[in-house]
N, C-alpha and C. Protein backbone atom coordinates (compact mmCIF):
# COMPACT_ATOMS: atom_id res chain seq x y z
N MET A 1 -66.02 9.58 329.91
CA MET A 1 -67.25 10.36 330.07
C MET A 1 -67.26 11.55 329.10
N PRO A 2 -68.44 11.83 328.57
CA PRO A 2 -68.48 12.96 327.63
C PRO A 2 -68.07 14.26 328.31
N GLU A 3 -67.39 15.05 327.51
CA GLU A 3 -66.89 16.32 328.06
C GLU A 3 -68.05 17.27 328.31
N GLU A 4 -68.04 17.83 329.50
CA GLU A 4 -69.09 18.78 329.85
C GLU A 4 -68.65 20.20 329.47
N HIS A 5 -69.62 20.98 328.95
CA HIS A 5 -69.34 22.38 328.53
C HIS A 5 -70.04 23.34 329.48
N ASP A 6 -69.32 24.37 329.79
CA ASP A 6 -69.89 25.41 330.64
C ASP A 6 -70.87 26.25 329.82
N ALA A 7 -72.10 26.34 330.25
CA ALA A 7 -73.12 27.08 329.50
C ALA A 7 -72.76 28.56 329.37
N ARG A 8 -71.93 29.05 330.28
CA ARG A 8 -71.57 30.48 330.22
C ARG A 8 -70.65 30.80 329.06
N GLU A 9 -69.93 29.75 328.54
CA GLU A 9 -69.02 29.99 327.43
C GLU A 9 -69.77 30.17 326.11
N HIS A 10 -70.93 29.57 325.96
CA HIS A 10 -71.71 29.67 324.73
C HIS A 10 -73.16 30.01 325.08
N PRO A 11 -73.41 31.25 325.49
CA PRO A 11 -74.78 31.62 325.89
C PRO A 11 -75.72 31.60 324.70
N SER A 12 -76.89 31.13 324.90
CA SER A 12 -77.88 31.12 323.82
C SER A 12 -78.37 32.55 323.59
N GLY A 13 -78.53 32.98 322.28
CA GLY A 13 -78.94 34.34 321.96
C GLY A 13 -80.39 34.60 322.33
N LEU A 14 -80.63 35.86 322.76
CA LEU A 14 -82.01 36.25 323.07
C LEU A 14 -82.81 36.54 321.81
N PHE A 15 -82.10 36.92 320.70
CA PHE A 15 -82.77 37.25 319.45
C PHE A 15 -82.22 36.37 318.34
N PRO A 16 -82.99 36.17 317.30
CA PRO A 16 -82.50 35.35 316.18
C PRO A 16 -81.37 36.06 315.45
N SER A 17 -80.67 35.33 314.63
CA SER A 17 -79.48 35.86 313.95
C SER A 17 -79.79 37.00 312.99
N TRP A 18 -81.03 37.04 312.48
CA TRP A 18 -81.36 38.08 311.51
C TRP A 18 -81.80 39.39 312.17
N ALA A 19 -81.89 39.41 313.51
CA ALA A 19 -82.42 40.58 314.20
C ALA A 19 -81.52 41.80 314.02
N THR A 20 -80.20 41.61 314.12
CA THR A 20 -79.27 42.75 314.01
C THR A 20 -79.33 43.38 312.63
N PRO A 21 -79.23 42.60 311.53
CA PRO A 21 -79.35 43.22 310.20
C PRO A 21 -80.71 43.90 310.00
N ALA A 22 -81.76 43.29 310.55
CA ALA A 22 -83.08 43.88 310.39
C ALA A 22 -83.18 45.22 311.11
N LEU A 23 -82.59 45.28 312.31
CA LEU A 23 -82.61 46.54 313.06
C LEU A 23 -81.84 47.62 312.34
N ARG A 24 -80.69 47.24 311.78
CA ARG A 24 -79.90 48.22 311.03
C ARG A 24 -80.68 48.73 309.82
N ALA A 25 -81.35 47.80 309.12
CA ALA A 25 -82.14 48.21 307.96
C ALA A 25 -83.28 49.14 308.36
N LEU A 26 -83.92 48.84 309.50
CA LEU A 26 -85.01 49.68 309.99
C LEU A 26 -84.53 51.08 310.33
N LEU A 27 -83.40 51.16 311.03
CA LEU A 27 -82.86 52.47 311.41
C LEU A 27 -82.46 53.25 310.16
N PHE A 28 -81.86 52.57 309.19
CA PHE A 28 -81.46 53.23 307.95
C PHE A 28 -82.70 53.75 307.21
N SER A 29 -83.78 52.96 307.19
CA SER A 29 -85.01 53.38 306.53
C SER A 29 -85.61 54.60 307.22
N CYS A 30 -85.56 54.62 308.56
CA CYS A 30 -86.10 55.77 309.30
C CYS A 30 -85.33 57.04 308.97
N VAL A 31 -84.01 56.93 308.92
CA VAL A 31 -83.19 58.10 308.58
C VAL A 31 -83.52 58.58 307.17
N CYS A 32 -83.67 57.63 306.25
CA CYS A 32 -83.99 58.00 304.86
C CYS A 32 -85.35 58.70 304.79
N LEU A 33 -86.33 58.20 305.54
CA LEU A 33 -87.65 58.81 305.53
C LEU A 33 -87.61 60.22 306.10
N VAL A 34 -86.88 60.41 307.18
CA VAL A 34 -86.78 61.73 307.80
C VAL A 34 -86.18 62.74 306.82
N LEU A 35 -85.23 62.29 306.01
CA LEU A 35 -84.59 63.19 305.05
C LEU A 35 -85.36 63.26 303.73
N LEU A 36 -85.91 62.13 303.31
CA LEU A 36 -86.51 62.06 301.98
C LEU A 36 -87.89 62.69 301.92
N VAL A 37 -88.71 62.45 302.92
CA VAL A 37 -90.09 62.97 302.87
C VAL A 37 -90.13 64.49 302.78
N PRO A 38 -89.41 65.23 303.64
CA PRO A 38 -89.43 66.70 303.49
C PRO A 38 -88.90 67.16 302.14
N THR A 39 -87.86 66.46 301.64
CA THR A 39 -87.30 66.83 300.34
C THR A 39 -88.32 66.64 299.23
N LEU A 40 -89.04 65.52 299.26
CA LEU A 40 -90.06 65.26 298.24
C LEU A 40 -91.20 66.26 298.33
N LEU A 41 -91.61 66.60 299.56
CA LEU A 41 -92.68 67.58 299.72
C LEU A 41 -92.24 68.95 299.21
N TRP A 42 -90.99 69.31 299.51
CA TRP A 42 -90.44 70.59 299.02
C TRP A 42 -90.42 70.61 297.50
N ALA A 43 -89.99 69.50 296.88
CA ALA A 43 -89.95 69.43 295.42
C ALA A 43 -91.35 69.44 294.82
N TRP A 44 -92.29 68.75 295.47
CA TRP A 44 -93.66 68.71 294.97
C TRP A 44 -94.29 70.09 294.95
N GLN A 45 -94.00 70.89 295.97
CA GLN A 45 -94.56 72.24 296.03
C GLN A 45 -94.08 73.12 294.89
N ARG A 46 -93.00 72.74 294.27
CA ARG A 46 -92.44 73.54 293.18
C ARG A 46 -92.79 73.02 291.80
N THR A 47 -93.59 71.98 291.73
CA THR A 47 -93.98 71.43 290.44
C THR A 47 -95.17 72.20 289.88
N PRO A 48 -95.38 72.16 288.57
CA PRO A 48 -96.54 72.83 287.98
C PRO A 48 -97.87 72.31 288.49
N TYR A 49 -97.90 71.09 289.06
CA TYR A 49 -99.15 70.57 289.60
C TYR A 49 -99.64 71.41 290.77
N VAL A 50 -98.71 72.06 291.47
CA VAL A 50 -99.07 72.89 292.61
C VAL A 50 -99.07 74.37 292.23
N THR A 51 -98.08 74.80 291.46
CA THR A 51 -97.95 76.22 291.12
C THR A 51 -98.85 76.64 289.96
N ASP A 52 -99.42 75.66 289.24
CA ASP A 52 -100.30 75.95 288.09
C ASP A 52 -99.56 76.63 286.95
N GLU A 53 -98.27 76.47 286.88
CA GLU A 53 -97.51 77.03 285.76
C GLU A 53 -97.95 76.36 284.46
N LEU A 54 -98.01 77.18 283.40
CA LEU A 54 -98.29 76.71 282.05
C LEU A 54 -99.66 76.04 281.94
N ASP A 55 -100.55 76.35 282.87
CA ASP A 55 -101.88 75.75 282.87
C ASP A 55 -102.92 76.82 282.59
N PRO A 56 -103.39 76.94 281.34
CA PRO A 56 -104.38 77.97 281.03
C PRO A 56 -105.68 77.74 281.80
N LYS A 57 -106.23 78.82 282.31
CA LYS A 57 -107.47 78.75 283.06
C LYS A 57 -108.67 78.90 282.11
N VAL A 58 -109.71 78.14 282.39
CA VAL A 58 -110.95 78.28 281.62
C VAL A 58 -111.72 79.47 282.19
N GLN A 59 -111.90 80.48 281.36
CA GLN A 59 -112.53 81.72 281.81
C GLN A 59 -113.99 81.78 281.35
N PRO A 60 -114.80 82.63 281.99
CA PRO A 60 -116.21 82.73 281.59
C PRO A 60 -116.40 83.32 280.20
N VAL A 61 -115.38 84.02 279.70
CA VAL A 61 -115.41 84.58 278.36
C VAL A 61 -114.09 84.28 277.68
N LYS A 62 -114.14 83.89 276.43
CA LYS A 62 -112.91 83.62 275.68
C LYS A 62 -112.27 84.95 275.29
N PHE A 63 -111.27 85.33 276.02
CA PHE A 63 -110.58 86.61 275.77
C PHE A 63 -109.20 86.31 275.22
N ASP A 64 -108.98 86.66 273.97
CA ASP A 64 -107.71 86.39 273.30
C ASP A 64 -106.84 87.65 273.37
N HIS A 65 -105.80 87.62 274.20
CA HIS A 65 -104.93 88.79 274.32
C HIS A 65 -104.20 89.09 273.01
N ARG A 66 -103.91 88.09 272.21
CA ARG A 66 -103.21 88.34 270.95
C ARG A 66 -104.02 89.28 270.06
N HIS A 67 -105.30 89.05 269.99
CA HIS A 67 -106.16 89.88 269.16
C HIS A 67 -106.27 91.30 269.71
N HIS A 68 -106.49 91.42 271.03
CA HIS A 68 -106.70 92.74 271.61
C HIS A 68 -105.42 93.58 271.62
N VAL A 69 -104.28 92.93 271.88
CA VAL A 69 -103.02 93.68 271.97
C VAL A 69 -102.46 93.98 270.60
N HIS A 70 -102.32 92.96 269.76
CA HIS A 70 -101.64 93.15 268.47
C HIS A 70 -102.58 93.67 267.38
N ASP A 71 -103.77 93.09 267.27
CA ASP A 71 -104.68 93.52 266.21
C ASP A 71 -105.32 94.87 266.51
N ASP A 72 -105.70 95.06 267.78
CA ASP A 72 -106.42 96.28 268.13
C ASP A 72 -105.54 97.33 268.81
N GLY A 73 -104.32 96.94 269.20
CA GLY A 73 -103.40 97.90 269.80
C GLY A 73 -103.81 98.40 271.17
N ILE A 74 -104.53 97.58 271.93
CA ILE A 74 -104.98 97.98 273.26
C ILE A 74 -103.86 97.76 274.27
N SER A 75 -103.54 98.77 275.04
CA SER A 75 -102.48 98.70 276.03
C SER A 75 -102.95 97.91 277.25
N CYS A 76 -101.98 97.30 277.95
CA CYS A 76 -102.28 96.59 279.20
C CYS A 76 -102.99 97.51 280.19
N ALA A 77 -102.54 98.77 280.24
CA ALA A 77 -103.05 99.71 281.23
C ALA A 77 -104.51 100.09 280.97
N TYR A 78 -105.01 99.85 279.78
CA TYR A 78 -106.41 100.18 279.50
C TYR A 78 -107.35 99.32 280.35
N CYS A 79 -106.97 98.05 280.51
CA CYS A 79 -107.78 97.13 281.32
C CYS A 79 -107.25 96.96 282.74
N HIS A 80 -105.96 97.16 282.92
CA HIS A 80 -105.34 96.94 284.23
C HIS A 80 -104.67 98.22 284.71
N ALA A 81 -105.41 99.29 284.71
CA ALA A 81 -104.85 100.61 285.07
C ALA A 81 -104.37 100.65 286.51
N ASP A 82 -104.96 99.87 287.39
CA ASP A 82 -104.57 99.91 288.80
C ASP A 82 -103.15 99.42 289.03
N ALA A 83 -102.55 98.79 288.04
CA ALA A 83 -101.18 98.29 288.21
C ALA A 83 -100.20 99.42 288.43
N PHE A 84 -100.56 100.65 288.06
CA PHE A 84 -99.67 101.80 288.23
C PHE A 84 -100.03 102.65 289.46
N ARG A 85 -101.14 102.31 290.12
CA ARG A 85 -101.55 103.16 291.23
C ARG A 85 -102.03 102.39 292.45
N SER A 86 -101.92 101.09 292.40
CA SER A 86 -102.43 100.29 293.50
C SER A 86 -101.60 99.02 293.66
N ALA A 87 -101.77 98.38 294.81
CA ALA A 87 -101.08 97.10 295.04
C ALA A 87 -101.63 96.02 294.13
N ASN A 88 -102.90 96.09 293.81
CA ASN A 88 -103.56 95.10 292.97
C ASN A 88 -103.77 95.66 291.58
N ALA A 89 -103.42 94.89 290.57
CA ALA A 89 -103.58 95.37 289.19
C ALA A 89 -105.05 95.45 288.81
N GLY A 90 -105.89 94.64 289.42
CA GLY A 90 -107.32 94.71 289.18
C GLY A 90 -107.76 94.08 287.87
N MET A 91 -109.05 93.85 287.77
CA MET A 91 -109.67 93.34 286.55
C MET A 91 -110.63 94.41 286.02
N PRO A 92 -110.75 94.52 284.71
CA PRO A 92 -111.63 95.56 284.16
C PRO A 92 -113.10 95.26 284.45
N ALA A 93 -113.85 96.30 284.72
CA ALA A 93 -115.29 96.15 284.88
C ALA A 93 -115.92 95.84 283.52
N VAL A 94 -117.10 95.22 283.53
CA VAL A 94 -117.75 94.88 282.26
C VAL A 94 -118.08 96.13 281.46
N SER A 95 -118.18 97.27 282.14
CA SER A 95 -118.45 98.51 281.42
C SER A 95 -117.28 98.86 280.51
N VAL A 96 -116.06 98.49 280.90
CA VAL A 96 -114.90 98.72 280.05
C VAL A 96 -115.01 97.87 278.79
N CYS A 97 -115.41 96.63 278.97
CA CYS A 97 -115.59 95.74 277.81
C CYS A 97 -116.69 96.29 276.89
N MET A 98 -117.80 96.70 277.48
CA MET A 98 -118.93 97.18 276.67
C MET A 98 -118.64 98.52 276.04
N GLY A 99 -117.65 99.24 276.54
CA GLY A 99 -117.28 100.49 275.89
C GLY A 99 -116.91 100.28 274.45
N CYS A 100 -116.34 99.12 274.15
CA CYS A 100 -116.02 98.78 272.76
C CYS A 100 -117.10 97.89 272.15
N HIS A 101 -117.50 96.89 272.92
CA HIS A 101 -118.35 95.85 272.32
C HIS A 101 -119.82 96.22 272.26
N ALA A 102 -120.18 97.40 272.72
CA ALA A 102 -121.52 97.90 272.44
C ALA A 102 -121.63 98.27 270.96
N GLN A 103 -120.46 98.49 270.34
CA GLN A 103 -120.43 98.88 268.93
C GLN A 103 -119.78 97.83 268.05
N ILE A 104 -118.92 97.01 268.64
CA ILE A 104 -118.20 96.00 267.88
C ILE A 104 -118.61 94.61 268.37
N TRP A 105 -119.08 93.78 267.45
CA TRP A 105 -119.51 92.42 267.80
C TRP A 105 -120.55 92.46 268.93
N GLY A 106 -121.43 93.43 268.83
CA GLY A 106 -122.43 93.61 269.88
C GLY A 106 -123.41 92.47 270.03
N HIS A 107 -123.56 91.65 269.00
CA HIS A 107 -124.52 90.54 269.05
C HIS A 107 -123.82 89.19 269.00
N SER A 108 -122.53 89.16 269.23
CA SER A 108 -121.79 87.90 269.19
C SER A 108 -122.21 86.98 270.35
N PRO A 109 -122.49 85.71 270.06
CA PRO A 109 -122.83 84.77 271.15
C PRO A 109 -121.70 84.62 272.17
N GLU A 110 -120.46 84.82 271.73
CA GLU A 110 -119.32 84.70 272.64
C GLU A 110 -119.36 85.77 273.73
N LEU A 111 -120.01 86.89 273.44
CA LEU A 111 -120.05 88.00 274.39
C LEU A 111 -121.33 88.04 275.21
N GLU A 112 -122.14 87.00 275.11
CA GLU A 112 -123.38 86.97 275.87
C GLU A 112 -123.16 87.11 277.38
N PRO A 113 -122.14 86.42 277.97
CA PRO A 113 -121.90 86.61 279.41
C PRO A 113 -121.56 88.04 279.78
N VAL A 114 -120.86 88.76 278.90
CA VAL A 114 -120.50 90.14 279.17
C VAL A 114 -121.75 91.02 279.15
N ARG A 115 -122.60 90.83 278.16
CA ARG A 115 -123.82 91.63 278.07
C ARG A 115 -124.75 91.35 279.25
N ASN A 116 -124.87 90.07 279.62
CA ASN A 116 -125.74 89.74 280.75
C ASN A 116 -125.23 90.39 282.05
N ALA A 117 -123.90 90.34 282.25
CA ALA A 117 -123.32 90.94 283.46
C ALA A 117 -123.50 92.45 283.45
N TYR A 118 -123.38 93.07 282.30
CA TYR A 118 -123.50 94.52 282.20
C TYR A 118 -124.92 94.99 282.52
N PHE A 119 -125.91 94.35 281.93
CA PHE A 119 -127.28 94.81 282.11
C PHE A 119 -127.89 94.35 283.43
N SER A 120 -127.37 93.28 284.01
CA SER A 120 -127.92 92.79 285.28
C SER A 120 -127.17 93.35 286.49
N GLY A 121 -126.01 93.92 286.26
CA GLY A 121 -125.21 94.44 287.37
C GLY A 121 -124.40 93.36 288.07
N ALA A 122 -124.41 92.15 287.51
CA ALA A 122 -123.63 91.05 288.09
C ALA A 122 -122.16 91.21 287.71
N ARG A 123 -121.35 90.35 288.23
CA ARG A 123 -119.92 90.40 287.93
C ARG A 123 -119.50 89.10 287.26
N LEU A 124 -118.53 89.21 286.38
CA LEU A 124 -117.98 88.02 285.75
C LEU A 124 -117.01 87.35 286.73
N GLU A 125 -117.11 86.06 286.85
CA GLU A 125 -116.26 85.31 287.78
C GLU A 125 -115.01 84.84 287.04
N TRP A 126 -114.04 85.75 286.90
CA TRP A 126 -112.79 85.39 286.25
C TRP A 126 -111.98 84.46 287.15
N GLN A 127 -111.30 83.52 286.54
CA GLN A 127 -110.43 82.61 287.27
C GLN A 127 -109.05 83.25 287.42
N ARG A 128 -108.58 83.37 288.64
CA ARG A 128 -107.28 83.99 288.89
C ARG A 128 -106.16 83.14 288.29
N VAL A 129 -105.25 83.78 287.58
CA VAL A 129 -104.15 83.08 286.94
C VAL A 129 -102.86 83.22 287.75
N THR A 130 -102.52 84.44 288.11
CA THR A 130 -101.29 84.71 288.84
C THR A 130 -101.61 84.91 290.32
N ARG A 131 -100.90 84.19 291.17
CA ARG A 131 -101.21 84.25 292.59
C ARG A 131 -99.93 84.18 293.41
N VAL A 132 -99.85 84.99 294.44
CA VAL A 132 -98.78 84.86 295.43
C VAL A 132 -99.44 84.41 296.73
N PRO A 133 -98.71 83.75 297.61
CA PRO A 133 -99.32 83.27 298.86
C PRO A 133 -99.93 84.41 299.67
N ASP A 134 -100.91 84.07 300.49
CA ASP A 134 -101.61 85.08 301.29
C ASP A 134 -100.68 85.79 302.27
N PHE A 135 -99.58 85.13 302.65
CA PHE A 135 -98.68 85.74 303.64
C PHE A 135 -97.62 86.61 302.97
N VAL A 136 -97.76 86.85 301.66
CA VAL A 136 -96.79 87.67 300.93
C VAL A 136 -97.46 88.97 300.50
N PHE A 137 -96.80 90.09 300.76
CA PHE A 137 -97.29 91.39 300.31
C PHE A 137 -96.59 91.77 299.01
N PHE A 138 -97.40 92.11 298.00
CA PHE A 138 -96.84 92.51 296.71
C PHE A 138 -97.59 93.73 296.21
N ASP A 139 -96.85 94.76 295.85
CA ASP A 139 -97.45 96.01 295.38
C ASP A 139 -97.09 96.21 293.91
N HIS A 140 -98.08 96.14 293.04
CA HIS A 140 -97.83 96.32 291.61
C HIS A 140 -97.25 97.70 291.31
N SER A 141 -97.83 98.72 291.93
CA SER A 141 -97.44 100.09 291.58
C SER A 141 -95.97 100.36 291.89
N VAL A 142 -95.45 99.78 292.97
CA VAL A 142 -94.03 99.98 293.29
C VAL A 142 -93.14 99.42 292.19
N HIS A 143 -93.54 98.29 291.63
CA HIS A 143 -92.72 97.65 290.61
C HIS A 143 -92.86 98.35 289.25
N THR A 144 -94.08 98.60 288.82
CA THR A 144 -94.27 99.21 287.50
C THR A 144 -93.70 100.62 287.44
N ASN A 145 -93.81 101.36 288.55
CA ASN A 145 -93.29 102.74 288.55
C ASN A 145 -91.78 102.81 288.74
N ASN A 146 -91.16 101.66 288.91
CA ASN A 146 -89.69 101.61 289.00
C ASN A 146 -89.08 100.81 287.86
N GLY A 147 -89.84 100.62 286.80
CA GLY A 147 -89.27 100.05 285.59
C GLY A 147 -89.33 98.54 285.45
N VAL A 148 -90.12 97.87 286.27
CA VAL A 148 -90.27 96.42 286.12
C VAL A 148 -91.41 96.17 285.14
N ALA A 149 -91.10 95.56 284.02
CA ALA A 149 -92.09 95.37 282.97
C ALA A 149 -93.09 94.29 283.32
N CYS A 150 -94.25 94.37 282.71
CA CYS A 150 -95.28 93.34 282.90
C CYS A 150 -94.74 91.97 282.52
N THR A 151 -93.97 91.91 281.44
CA THR A 151 -93.47 90.62 280.95
C THR A 151 -92.47 89.99 281.91
N SER A 152 -91.88 90.78 282.81
CA SER A 152 -90.91 90.22 283.75
C SER A 152 -91.53 89.16 284.64
N CYS A 153 -92.80 89.34 284.97
CA CYS A 153 -93.49 88.39 285.85
C CYS A 153 -94.56 87.58 285.12
N HIS A 154 -95.20 88.21 284.15
CA HIS A 154 -96.35 87.57 283.50
C HIS A 154 -96.02 86.93 282.16
N GLY A 155 -94.80 87.14 281.66
CA GLY A 155 -94.44 86.57 280.38
C GLY A 155 -95.11 87.31 279.22
N ARG A 156 -95.06 86.69 278.05
CA ARG A 156 -95.63 87.32 276.86
C ARG A 156 -97.12 87.03 276.77
N VAL A 157 -97.87 87.73 277.63
CA VAL A 157 -99.32 87.57 277.61
C VAL A 157 -99.89 87.97 276.26
N ASP A 158 -99.22 88.90 275.60
CA ASP A 158 -99.70 89.35 274.29
C ASP A 158 -99.63 88.27 273.23
N GLN A 159 -98.98 87.15 273.54
CA GLN A 159 -98.89 86.03 272.60
C GLN A 159 -99.70 84.81 273.07
N MET A 160 -100.54 85.00 274.07
CA MET A 160 -101.31 83.89 274.63
C MET A 160 -102.77 83.97 274.20
N ALA A 161 -103.28 82.85 273.70
CA ALA A 161 -104.71 82.78 273.42
C ALA A 161 -105.49 82.65 274.73
N GLN A 162 -104.96 81.86 275.66
CA GLN A 162 -105.48 81.76 277.01
C GLN A 162 -104.34 82.03 277.98
N VAL A 163 -104.56 82.88 278.94
CA VAL A 163 -103.49 83.31 279.83
C VAL A 163 -103.14 82.19 280.80
N TYR A 164 -101.84 82.01 281.00
CA TYR A 164 -101.34 81.04 281.98
C TYR A 164 -100.14 81.65 282.69
N SER A 165 -99.84 81.11 283.85
CA SER A 165 -98.72 81.61 284.64
C SER A 165 -97.41 81.03 284.11
N VAL A 166 -96.39 81.86 284.01
CA VAL A 166 -95.10 81.41 283.51
C VAL A 166 -94.06 81.28 284.62
N GLU A 167 -94.43 81.69 285.83
CA GLU A 167 -93.50 81.62 286.95
C GLU A 167 -94.20 81.02 288.16
N ALA A 168 -93.39 80.40 289.03
CA ALA A 168 -93.95 79.81 290.25
C ALA A 168 -94.17 80.87 291.33
N PHE A 169 -93.53 82.03 291.19
CA PHE A 169 -93.62 83.11 292.18
C PHE A 169 -93.26 82.62 293.58
N ASN A 170 -92.20 81.83 293.62
CA ASN A 170 -91.69 81.40 294.92
C ASN A 170 -90.66 82.42 295.42
N MET A 171 -90.14 82.17 296.58
CA MET A 171 -89.23 83.13 297.22
C MET A 171 -87.94 83.29 296.40
N ASP A 172 -87.47 82.21 295.79
CA ASP A 172 -86.25 82.29 294.98
C ASP A 172 -86.42 83.26 293.83
N PHE A 173 -87.57 83.20 293.18
CA PHE A 173 -87.83 84.07 292.04
C PHE A 173 -87.79 85.54 292.44
N CYS A 174 -88.47 85.86 293.54
CA CYS A 174 -88.53 87.25 293.99
C CYS A 174 -87.16 87.76 294.46
N LEU A 175 -86.47 86.96 295.26
CA LEU A 175 -85.18 87.40 295.79
C LEU A 175 -84.14 87.54 294.68
N ASP A 176 -84.19 86.67 293.69
CA ASP A 176 -83.23 86.77 292.59
C ASP A 176 -83.38 88.10 291.87
N CYS A 177 -84.60 88.55 291.70
CA CYS A 177 -84.84 89.84 291.05
C CYS A 177 -84.43 91.00 291.96
N HIS A 178 -84.74 90.90 293.23
CA HIS A 178 -84.39 91.98 294.16
C HIS A 178 -82.89 92.11 294.35
N ARG A 179 -82.19 91.00 294.30
CA ARG A 179 -80.74 91.04 294.50
C ARG A 179 -79.99 91.44 293.23
N HIS A 180 -80.59 91.18 292.09
CA HIS A 180 -79.93 91.48 290.82
C HIS A 180 -80.91 92.21 289.89
N PRO A 181 -81.29 93.43 290.24
CA PRO A 181 -82.28 94.15 289.42
C PRO A 181 -81.73 94.60 288.07
N ALA A 182 -80.42 94.78 287.97
CA ALA A 182 -79.84 95.21 286.69
C ALA A 182 -80.16 94.14 285.65
N GLY A 183 -80.65 94.57 284.51
CA GLY A 183 -81.04 93.64 283.47
C GLY A 183 -82.52 93.31 283.51
N ARG A 184 -83.18 93.67 284.61
CA ARG A 184 -84.62 93.41 284.72
C ARG A 184 -85.43 94.70 284.68
N VAL A 185 -84.78 95.82 284.92
CA VAL A 185 -85.50 97.09 284.89
C VAL A 185 -85.30 97.75 283.54
N ARG A 186 -86.19 98.66 283.23
CA ARG A 186 -86.14 99.38 281.96
C ARG A 186 -86.71 100.78 282.19
N PRO A 187 -86.59 101.67 281.24
CA PRO A 187 -87.24 102.98 281.41
C PRO A 187 -88.73 102.81 281.64
N VAL A 188 -89.27 103.59 282.56
CA VAL A 188 -90.67 103.43 282.95
C VAL A 188 -91.60 103.58 281.75
N GLU A 189 -91.23 104.42 280.79
CA GLU A 189 -92.11 104.62 279.63
C GLU A 189 -92.20 103.38 278.74
N HIS A 190 -91.34 102.38 278.99
CA HIS A 190 -91.38 101.15 278.19
C HIS A 190 -91.87 99.94 278.98
N VAL A 191 -92.39 100.19 280.16
CA VAL A 191 -92.84 99.07 281.01
C VAL A 191 -93.93 98.25 280.33
N LEU A 192 -94.78 98.90 279.55
CA LEU A 192 -95.90 98.20 278.92
C LEU A 192 -95.56 97.63 277.55
N ASP A 193 -94.38 97.88 277.07
CA ASP A 193 -94.00 97.44 275.73
C ASP A 193 -93.38 96.05 275.78
N PRO A 194 -94.09 95.02 275.32
CA PRO A 194 -93.54 93.66 275.40
C PRO A 194 -92.37 93.41 274.46
N ASP A 195 -92.22 94.26 273.45
CA ASP A 195 -91.16 94.07 272.46
C ASP A 195 -89.92 94.92 272.72
N TRP A 196 -89.92 95.66 273.82
CA TRP A 196 -88.78 96.54 274.09
C TRP A 196 -87.52 95.73 274.38
N ARG A 197 -86.40 96.21 273.84
CA ARG A 197 -85.11 95.60 274.10
C ARG A 197 -84.13 96.70 274.50
N PRO A 198 -83.20 96.43 275.40
CA PRO A 198 -82.24 97.46 275.80
C PRO A 198 -81.35 97.86 274.63
N PRO A 199 -80.87 99.09 274.63
CA PRO A 199 -80.01 99.56 273.53
C PRO A 199 -78.78 98.67 273.37
N SER A 200 -78.47 98.37 272.13
CA SER A 200 -77.29 97.56 271.80
C SER A 200 -77.32 96.19 272.46
N GLY A 201 -78.51 95.75 272.86
CA GLY A 201 -78.64 94.42 273.44
C GLY A 201 -78.08 94.31 274.84
N ARG A 202 -77.72 95.42 275.47
CA ARG A 202 -77.15 95.39 276.82
C ARG A 202 -78.19 95.78 277.86
N ALA A 203 -78.11 95.17 279.00
CA ALA A 203 -79.04 95.48 280.08
C ALA A 203 -78.71 96.84 280.68
N LEU A 204 -79.72 97.46 281.23
CA LEU A 204 -79.50 98.74 281.91
C LEU A 204 -78.66 98.51 283.15
N GLU A 205 -77.84 99.47 283.46
CA GLU A 205 -77.03 99.38 284.67
C GLU A 205 -77.91 99.60 285.90
N HIS A 206 -77.48 99.07 286.99
CA HIS A 206 -78.22 99.23 288.25
C HIS A 206 -78.02 100.66 288.73
N THR A 207 -79.08 101.45 288.69
CA THR A 207 -78.98 102.84 289.08
C THR A 207 -79.25 102.98 290.57
N PRO A 208 -78.74 104.03 291.19
CA PRO A 208 -78.96 104.25 292.63
C PRO A 208 -80.44 104.35 292.98
N GLU A 209 -81.27 104.78 292.00
CA GLU A 209 -82.68 104.95 292.29
C GLU A 209 -83.40 103.61 292.46
N VAL A 210 -82.83 102.55 291.92
CA VAL A 210 -83.45 101.23 292.00
C VAL A 210 -82.66 100.39 292.99
N GLN A 211 -83.15 100.33 294.21
CA GLN A 211 -82.49 99.58 295.27
C GLN A 211 -83.52 98.72 296.01
N PRO A 212 -83.88 97.59 295.44
CA PRO A 212 -84.89 96.73 296.07
C PRO A 212 -84.40 96.21 297.42
N ARG A 213 -85.30 96.15 298.36
CA ARG A 213 -84.98 95.64 299.69
C ARG A 213 -85.08 94.12 299.70
N THR A 214 -84.28 93.50 300.57
CA THR A 214 -84.30 92.03 300.69
C THR A 214 -84.53 91.58 302.12
N ASP A 215 -84.89 92.51 303.02
CA ASP A 215 -85.18 92.09 304.39
C ASP A 215 -86.58 91.46 304.43
N CYS A 216 -86.82 90.69 305.47
CA CYS A 216 -88.05 89.89 305.57
C CYS A 216 -89.31 90.74 305.53
N THR A 217 -89.28 91.89 306.20
CA THR A 217 -90.48 92.70 306.32
C THR A 217 -90.89 93.36 305.00
N THR A 218 -90.05 93.30 303.99
CA THR A 218 -90.43 93.85 302.69
C THR A 218 -91.65 93.14 302.14
N CYS A 219 -91.67 91.84 302.25
CA CYS A 219 -92.76 91.04 301.69
C CYS A 219 -93.63 90.37 302.75
N HIS A 220 -93.11 90.22 303.94
CA HIS A 220 -93.85 89.54 305.01
C HIS A 220 -94.13 90.55 306.14
N ARG A 221 -95.34 91.06 306.15
CA ARG A 221 -95.67 92.16 307.07
C ARG A 221 -96.71 91.70 308.11
């Protein structure tokens, strides 16, 4: 008689043979997604596509900083005087522009938007280039009056035909400067000089007067 087998010795599987490898692959994929997606989002937020680094903005008027700074010798503070007395550096009123251009290139087609804004009382809609998040407090006057040069954050604007951002202005950038201010500060009288270099090529030492705070409430109020 044929040998009988006990069904309990060889139980039939409830799942197919490929189920276990598939489950392992699924669990591995879930773990990868949990780790990979936040990492990719974090990296994406730091790309120029989000921060607008190196992306010149199209402005209502073609304003060439190279010409105004180098050819005409106009200081940054002439147009952005609030950088030394206010949290916001501000934009110049059209009356500041017309102070010169009422006499120079007064009939240039390029300056038609400026003339229209001046005589109509309207405002020019400049496109913002440098931006920090809304939840960050930044005071220009605190930085400029303590020896932080314009070029430290804005780069060589005096060499730009169209202004663009050179920094992402993320938390790493700000904290790195606050933790290591030596080499980034200069005498206050040279804050506006883009060509200034420290004596003998050495950075200024960290003086007791320059002690940037790094606690959360400094920037997040």
